[in-house]
Protein backbone atom coordinates (compact mmCIF):
# COMPACT_ATOMS: atom_id res chain seq x y z
CA MET A 1 23.36 -12.74 5.53
CA ASN A 2 21.50 -11.42 2.44
CA ILE A 3 19.14 -8.50 2.20
CA ARG A 4 15.22 -9.61 1.90
CA LYS A 5 14.12 -9.14 -1.58
CA ASN A 6 10.89 -7.20 -2.37
CA GLN A 7 8.96 -9.57 -4.50
CA LEU A 8 5.97 -7.41 -4.68
CA LYS A 9 8.05 -4.51 -6.38
CA GLU A 10 9.80 -7.03 -8.67
CA ASN A 11 6.60 -8.91 -9.85
CA LEU A 12 5.14 -5.31 -10.62
CA ARG A 13 8.07 -4.34 -12.46
CA LYS A 14 7.63 -7.68 -14.57
CA GLY A 15 4.21 -6.48 -15.27
CA LYS A 16 2.44 -9.01 -13.30
CA LYS A 17 -0.74 -8.63 -11.54
CA GLN A 18 -0.63 -8.69 -7.58
CA TYR A 19 -3.48 -9.01 -5.58
CA GLY A 20 -3.81 -8.15 -1.95
CA ILE A 21 -6.01 -7.70 1.15
CA TRP A 22 -6.13 -4.91 3.97
CA ASN A 23 -5.02 -5.98 7.27
CA GLY A 24 -7.02 -3.63 9.60
CA LEU A 25 -7.35 -6.01 12.81
CA VAL A 26 -4.46 -5.10 15.18
CA ASP A 27 -3.52 -8.55 16.08
CA SER A 28 -0.43 -10.72 14.71
CA TYR A 29 -2.86 -13.68 14.71
CA ALA A 30 -5.07 -11.85 11.95
CA ALA A 31 -2.04 -10.91 10.19
CA GLU A 32 -0.98 -14.37 10.03
CA ILE A 33 -4.15 -15.68 9.02
CA CYS A 34 -4.35 -13.26 6.04
CA ALA A 35 -0.69 -13.97 5.36
CA GLY A 36 -1.35 -17.59 4.78
CA ALA A 37 -4.36 -17.15 2.49
CA GLY A 38 -2.40 -16.81 -0.87
CA PHE A 39 -2.40 -13.30 -1.50
CA ASP A 40 0.64 -11.45 -3.06
CA TRP A 41 0.65 -8.67 -0.43
CA ILE A 42 -0.86 -7.65 2.87
CA CYS A 43 -1.44 -3.81 3.92
CA ILE A 44 -1.11 -2.95 7.44
CA ASP A 45 -3.28 -0.17 7.67
CA GLY A 46 -1.72 2.40 10.08
CA GLU A 47 -3.79 5.39 8.80
CA HIS A 48 -7.40 4.11 9.68
CA ALA A 49 -6.81 1.33 11.99
CA PRO A 50 -5.46 1.86 15.46
CA PHE A 51 -2.11 0.35 15.06
CA GLU A 52 1.04 1.95 16.94
CA LEU A 53 4.70 1.19 15.87
CA CYS A 54 4.95 -2.16 18.03
CA THR A 55 1.64 -3.44 16.71
CA ILE A 56 2.97 -2.76 13.40
CA LEU A 57 6.11 -4.22 14.04
CA HIS A 58 4.16 -7.76 15.26
CA ASN A 59 2.00 -7.67 12.28
CA MET A 60 4.54 -7.20 9.64
CA GLN A 61 6.62 -10.10 11.49
CA ALA A 62 3.71 -12.54 11.09
CA ILE A 63 3.27 -11.65 7.37
CA GLN A 64 6.82 -11.69 6.54
CA SER A 65 6.88 -15.36 7.96
CA HIS A 66 4.93 -16.39 4.81
CA GLU A 67 5.81 -15.71 1.07
CA VAL A 68 4.00 -12.42 0.84
CA SER A 69 4.69 -8.95 0.71
CA ALA A 70 3.93 -6.64 3.75
CA MET A 71 2.92 -2.99 3.10
CA VAL A 72 2.30 -0.38 5.52
CA ARG A 73 0.00 2.41 4.89
CA ILE A 74 1.06 5.38 7.19
CA PRO A 75 -1.23 8.14 8.30
CA SER A 76 0.24 11.14 6.35
CA VAL A 77 3.43 12.46 4.90
CA ASP A 78 5.99 11.79 7.64
CA THR A 79 9.66 11.27 6.81
CA ALA A 80 10.53 10.43 10.35
CA LEU A 81 7.92 7.38 10.57
CA ILE A 82 8.94 6.27 7.29
CA LYS A 83 12.47 6.06 8.45
CA GLN A 84 11.52 4.29 11.47
CA LEU A 85 9.42 1.82 9.45
CA LEU A 86 12.13 0.94 6.96
CA ASP A 87 14.57 0.16 10.01
CA MET A 88 11.49 -2.20 11.10
CA GLY A 89 11.68 -4.03 8.12
CA ALA A 90 9.02 -2.53 6.08
CA GLN A 91 10.01 -2.19 2.11
CA THR A 92 7.01 -0.96 0.81
CA ILE A 93 5.24 2.15 1.99
CA LEU A 94 1.66 3.58 0.97
CA VAL A 95 1.41 7.28 1.97
CA PRO A 96 -2.07 8.52 1.52
CA MET A 97 -3.65 12.00 -0.03
CA ILE A 98 -0.65 12.82 -2.12
CA GLU A 99 -1.79 15.98 -3.77
CA SER A 100 1.39 17.48 -5.13
CA ALA A 101 4.66 16.39 -6.90
CA ASP A 102 6.32 18.21 -3.84
CA GLN A 103 4.73 15.74 -1.56
CA ALA A 104 5.50 12.76 -3.67
CA ALA A 105 9.16 13.68 -4.07
CA LEU A 106 9.66 14.11 -0.17
CA VAL A 107 8.17 10.84 0.05
CA ALA A 108 10.35 9.19 -2.59
CA SER A 109 13.39 10.72 -1.10
CA ALA A 110 12.53 9.36 2.60
CA MET A 111 12.82 6.10 0.95
CA VAL A 112 16.19 5.90 0.05
CA TYR A 113 19.88 6.42 1.34
CA PRO A 114 21.90 9.62 0.33
CA PRO A 115 22.98 10.71 -2.10
CA GLU A 116 19.97 9.73 -4.08
CA GLY A 117 17.71 10.41 -0.90
CA MET A 118 17.49 11.39 2.70
CA ARG A 119 16.93 8.30 4.52
CA GLY A 120 18.74 8.34 8.03
CA VAL A 121 21.49 5.70 8.60
CA GLY A 122 20.92 3.37 11.60
CA THR A 123 21.80 -0.24 10.99
CA ALA A 124 23.06 -0.99 14.09
CA LEU A 125 19.48 -0.80 15.25
CA ALA A 126 17.73 -1.82 12.40
CA ARG A 127 15.68 -5.18 12.05
CA ALA A 128 15.82 -4.33 8.07
CA ALA A 129 19.42 -4.88 8.36
CA GLN A 130 19.36 -7.46 10.72
CA TRP A 131 21.38 -5.16 13.19
CA SER A 132 24.32 -4.76 10.97
CA ARG A 133 24.67 -8.48 9.98
CA VAL A 134 23.24 -7.93 6.36
CA LYS A 135 26.18 -7.51 3.95
CA ASP A 136 26.33 -4.37 2.27
CA TYR A 137 22.89 -3.52 3.32
CA TYR A 138 23.28 0.18 2.64
CA VAL A 139 24.34 -0.83 -1.09
CA ALA A 140 21.36 -3.08 -1.81
CA ALA A 141 18.64 -1.30 0.15
CA ASN A 142 17.60 1.29 -2.13
CA GLU A 143 16.59 -1.05 -4.89
CA GLN A 144 14.33 -3.10 -2.61
CA MET A 145 12.28 -0.01 -1.51
CA CYS A 146 8.84 0.35 -3.14
CA CYS A 147 7.47 4.15 -2.76
CA ILE A 148 3.40 4.15 -3.32
CA GLY A 149 1.68 7.37 -3.27
CA GLN A 150 -2.14 7.33 -2.99
CA ILE A 151 -4.08 9.63 -5.41
CA GLU A 152 -7.61 10.12 -3.69
CA SER A 153 -8.84 13.55 -4.23
CA VAL A 154 -9.71 15.85 -6.95
CA LYS A 155 -6.64 17.86 -6.21
CA GLY A 156 -4.42 14.79 -6.30
CA VAL A 157 -5.95 13.94 -9.70
CA ASP A 158 -5.34 17.50 -11.13
CA ALA A 159 -1.72 17.11 -10.01
CA LEU A 160 -1.29 13.70 -11.50
CA ASP A 161 0.69 14.80 -14.33
CA GLU A 162 3.29 16.47 -12.53
CA ILE A 163 3.34 13.64 -9.59
CA LEU A 164 3.82 11.17 -12.41
CA LYS A 165 7.14 12.70 -13.25
CA VAL A 166 8.71 12.28 -9.76
CA GLU A 167 11.56 9.60 -9.90
CA GLY A 168 11.49 7.08 -7.38
CA LEU A 169 7.79 7.02 -7.03
CA ASP A 170 7.02 3.12 -8.04
CA VAL A 171 3.22 3.14 -7.81
CA CYS A 172 0.16 5.51 -7.72
CA PHE A 173 -2.71 3.82 -5.74
CA ILE A 174 -6.49 5.11 -6.36
CA GLY A 175 -8.36 5.43 -3.52
CA PRO A 176 -11.92 5.73 -5.09
CA ALA A 177 -13.77 6.29 -1.56
CA ASP A 178 -11.98 9.46 -0.71
CA LEU A 179 -11.95 10.54 -4.15
CA ALA A 180 -15.71 10.01 -4.63
CA ALA A 181 -16.00 12.44 -1.17
CA THR A 182 -14.23 14.84 -2.99
CA MET A 183 -15.98 14.62 -6.18
CA GLY A 184 -19.24 15.18 -4.25
CA TYR A 185 -20.11 11.57 -4.12
CA LEU A 186 -19.59 10.56 -0.44
CA GLY A 187 -20.31 6.73 -0.16
CA GLN A 188 -20.64 6.54 -3.81
CA SER A 189 -17.42 5.08 -5.01
CA GLY A 190 -18.92 3.08 -7.62
CA HIS A 191 -20.79 6.23 -9.14
CA PRO A 192 -20.32 6.30 -13.15
CA GLU A 193 -18.40 9.58 -12.65
CA VAL A 194 -15.95 8.39 -10.16
CA VAL A 195 -15.31 4.99 -12.17
CA SER A 196 -14.61 6.97 -15.25
CA LEU A 197 -12.26 9.21 -13.49
CA VAL A 198 -10.46 6.23 -11.71
CA LYS A 199 -10.11 4.87 -15.43
CA ASP A 200 -8.60 7.93 -16.77
CA CYS A 201 -6.17 7.92 -13.82
CA ILE A 202 -5.25 4.40 -14.75
CA ALA A 203 -4.42 5.14 -18.23
CA LYS A 204 -2.34 8.22 -17.32
CA ILE A 205 -0.20 6.08 -14.92
CA ARG A 206 0.52 3.32 -17.31
CA LYS A 207 1.35 5.93 -20.11
CA ALA A 208 4.24 7.26 -17.59
CA GLY A 209 5.41 4.08 -16.81
CA LYS A 210 4.19 3.83 -13.40
CA VAL A 211 2.27 1.17 -11.79
CA ALA A 212 -1.66 1.64 -11.10
CA GLY A 213 -3.17 0.14 -8.17
CA PHE A 214 -6.82 0.41 -6.32
CA LEU A 215 -8.51 -1.02 -3.45
CA THR A 216 -12.50 -2.08 -3.81
CA ALA A 217 -14.74 -5.02 -2.47
CA SER A 218 -16.78 -4.55 -5.42
CA LYS A 219 -16.03 -7.72 -7.88
CA LYS A 220 -17.50 -5.60 -10.84
CA LEU A 221 -14.98 -2.61 -10.37
CA ILE A 222 -12.12 -5.32 -9.48
CA ALA A 223 -13.02 -6.60 -13.00
CA GLU A 224 -13.18 -3.19 -14.65
CA TYR A 225 -9.94 -1.48 -13.33
CA SER A 226 -7.99 -4.82 -13.92
CA GLU A 227 -9.12 -4.71 -17.61
CA ALA A 228 -8.11 -0.70 -17.50
CA GLY A 229 -4.65 -1.84 -16.74
CA ALA A 230 -4.03 -1.63 -13.03
CA LEU A 231 -1.40 -4.26 -11.41
CA MET A 232 -1.85 -3.84 -7.81
CA ILE A 233 -5.02 -5.01 -6.83
CA GLY A 234 -6.85 -4.80 -3.32
CA VAL A 235 -9.90 -6.92 -3.25
CA GLY A 236 -10.92 -6.90 0.29
CA LEU A 237 -10.35 -6.00 4.13
CA ASP A 238 -10.09 -8.40 6.89
CA THR A 239 -12.51 -6.19 9.00
CA LEU A 240 -15.32 -6.16 6.58
CA MET A 241 -14.93 -9.79 5.99
CA LEU A 242 -15.18 -10.82 9.55
CA ALA A 243 -17.96 -8.23 10.03
CA GLU A 244 -19.98 -9.82 7.31
CA ALA A 245 -19.24 -13.55 8.07
CA THR A 246 -20.22 -13.17 11.81
CA ARG A 247 -23.37 -11.08 10.90
CA ASN A 248 -24.47 -13.71 8.34
CA LEU A 249 -23.83 -16.64 10.96
CA ALA A 250 -25.79 -14.64 13.29
CA GLU A 251 -28.92 -14.34 11.02
CA ASN A 252 -28.95 -17.99 10.17
CA TYR A 253 -30.01 -18.36 13.69
CA LYS A 254 -31.68 -15.10 14.71
CA LYS A 255 -34.25 -14.54 12.07
CA GLU A 256 -35.36 -11.12 13.60
CA LEU A 257 -31.97 -9.73 12.35
């Protein structure tokens, strides 16, 4: 049995734009609906949505039953949680609020086995290794891991040059909403100063040889940030789409709304 290939990481390395969607509905049916839509990746949001380990696993299994990459966003820098998720079968981890090179280096180290990193060894219990059925899992695993740090504060932007020097950090993912808040523009992620800063960050990330990513539901900003050179492109959230679709349907019949 061979290791699962991380198609997202491979395509990003080739310079291919990869479009994805956020999965915040804690139900494997919802995850499978998203996975079958045709996106390149689905992000299971373990930061803001009420996921637990088992529900992350169920959604990840549903997503991985399709030809789409499953990414997991965790709540914070947590090396023990990263270890569990990798053993569960996650290959792409997004860590929010990276604000220093030391944080980025710790996350990158947690993603890979020694001597390059500090990932714990436990394949007998790991779905990722198919419970030791995957041939040479230890040898092949490191190359399939995709480490993503989220830059979403002024402090993170100030440290970006040093963060980008971290070996093993594959993607810097910009979070415009939180970045706007730390700039004094809470709820205004489309403010011109925020947009300008995001574009500056994308340029720096590209110059450093890393991949830039972002999430926004704004078609205008999707076009602008894509043109600026971002390759990992989050274009929507399942929760918002369901909320908007159901509200619009209700308004068709209840004019008082």
